[in-house]
């Protein structure tokens, strides 16, 4: 179940772009990376993905900022971007490089 916060709604252009990218353009490997980035796990909950709360949060704006996540709360924080291409590029950068600064 997708929830929206801080100004995002299912009708927001950014959310329409987000779901087009994730559901229509990405293969299962990228979708799995998004799940790992957002939840900290590559596994669906026992009762299935439909039972999981997945929160999309609008956090500021700026094409140069990457999305971030709060895995304990299954929250994906996405800045307001100027285009679908910027959203795609920044999402891919975030999910493909999730280890931050490499601190142990």
Protein backbone atom coordinates (compact mmCIF):
# COMPACT_ATOMS: atom_id res chain seq x y z
CA UNK A 1 0.00 0.00 0.00
CA UNK A 2 1.49 3.31 -1.06
CA UNK A 3 1.04 6.28 1.22
CA UNK A 4 1.93 9.87 0.34
CA UNK A 5 3.25 12.64 2.58
CA UNK A 6 4.35 16.30 2.63
CA UNK A 7 2.49 17.28 -0.52
CA UNK A 8 2.66 14.18 -2.69
CA UNK A 9 -0.65 12.67 -3.79
CA UNK A 10 -1.38 9.85 -6.23
CA UNK A 11 -2.25 12.56 -8.77
CA UNK A 12 1.01 14.51 -8.37
CA UNK A 13 2.99 14.61 -11.62
CA UNK A 14 6.06 13.34 -9.73
CA UNK A 15 4.14 10.33 -8.43
CA UNK A 16 2.78 9.54 -11.88
CA UNK A 17 6.35 9.67 -13.21
CA UNK A 18 7.58 7.56 -10.28
CA UNK A 19 5.11 4.74 -10.91
CA UNK A 20 5.65 4.86 -14.70
CA UNK A 21 9.40 4.46 -14.14
CA UNK A 22 9.16 1.75 -11.48
CA UNK A 23 6.30 -0.32 -12.90
CA UNK A 24 6.59 0.20 -16.65
CA UNK A 25 10.25 0.91 -17.37
CA UNK A 26 12.28 -0.95 -14.76
CA UNK A 27 13.03 -4.64 -14.77
CA UNK A 28 12.66 -6.79 -11.65
CA UNK A 29 16.32 -6.27 -10.64
CA UNK A 30 15.88 -2.49 -10.39
CA UNK A 31 12.56 -2.91 -8.62
CA UNK A 32 14.28 -5.20 -6.10
CA UNK A 33 17.04 -2.61 -5.59
CA UNK A 34 14.38 0.01 -4.87
CA UNK A 35 12.81 -2.33 -2.31
CA UNK A 36 16.20 -2.85 -0.64
CA UNK A 37 16.95 0.89 -0.68
CA UNK A 38 13.59 1.79 0.84
CA UNK A 39 13.02 -1.05 3.30
CA UNK A 40 16.47 -2.50 3.97
CA UNK A 41 15.32 -5.92 2.78
CA UNK A 42 15.05 -7.66 -0.58
CA UNK A 43 12.14 -9.77 0.63
CA UNK A 44 8.44 -9.08 0.57
CA UNK A 45 6.60 -9.30 3.89
CA UNK A 46 5.11 -12.70 4.75
CA UNK A 47 1.63 -11.50 3.82
CA UNK A 48 2.82 -9.95 0.54
CA UNK A 49 3.70 -6.50 -0.76
CA UNK A 50 0.07 -5.36 -0.62
CA UNK A 51 0.23 -5.46 3.18
CA UNK A 52 3.42 -3.40 3.39
CA UNK A 53 3.21 0.35 3.95
CA UNK A 54 5.42 2.13 1.43
CA UNK A 55 5.58 5.86 2.13
CA UNK A 56 6.60 8.37 -0.55
CA UNK A 57 7.60 11.67 1.02
CA UNK A 58 8.21 14.98 -0.75
CA UNK A 59 11.40 16.42 0.69
CA UNK A 60 12.47 19.78 -0.63
CA UNK A 61 13.44 20.36 -4.22
CA UNK A 62 16.49 20.38 -6.40
CA UNK A 63 17.66 18.39 -9.38
CA UNK A 64 21.08 17.93 -7.78
CA UNK A 65 19.73 16.15 -4.68
CA UNK A 66 19.33 12.38 -4.49
CA UNK A 67 16.43 10.53 -2.92
CA UNK A 68 17.00 9.16 0.58
CA UNK A 69 15.22 6.61 2.70
CA UNK A 70 14.26 5.78 6.26
CA UNK A 71 14.27 2.00 6.15
CA UNK A 72 12.75 1.54 9.61
CA UNK A 73 9.59 3.24 8.37
CA UNK A 74 9.67 2.14 4.71
CA UNK A 75 9.90 5.77 3.64
CA UNK A 76 11.36 7.01 0.38
CA UNK A 77 12.12 10.76 0.50
CA UNK A 78 12.20 12.32 -2.96
CA UNK A 79 12.99 15.96 -3.76
CA UNK A 80 10.79 17.78 -6.26
CA UNK A 81 12.48 17.36 -9.66
CA UNK A 82 12.03 19.34 -12.84
CA UNK A 83 11.45 16.36 -15.14
CA UNK A 84 10.82 12.64 -15.36
CA UNK A 85 14.34 12.14 -16.73
CA UNK A 86 15.89 13.79 -13.66
CA UNK A 87 13.71 11.65 -11.39
CA UNK A 88 14.77 8.47 -13.23
CA UNK A 89 18.46 9.38 -13.20
CA UNK A 90 18.52 10.30 -9.51
CA UNK A 91 16.48 7.27 -8.43
CA UNK A 92 18.84 4.98 -10.33
CA UNK A 93 21.88 6.68 -8.82
CA UNK A 94 20.46 6.24 -5.32
CA UNK A 95 19.45 2.59 -5.63
CA UNK A 96 22.66 1.57 -7.39
CA UNK A 97 24.88 3.25 -4.75
CA UNK A 98 23.06 2.65 -1.46
CA UNK A 99 26.05 2.25 0.87
CA UNK A 100 26.61 5.96 1.48
CA UNK A 101 30.13 6.90 2.36
CA UNK A 102 31.35 3.36 2.97
CA UNK A 103 31.64 3.84 6.74
CA UNK A 104 31.63 0.71 8.82
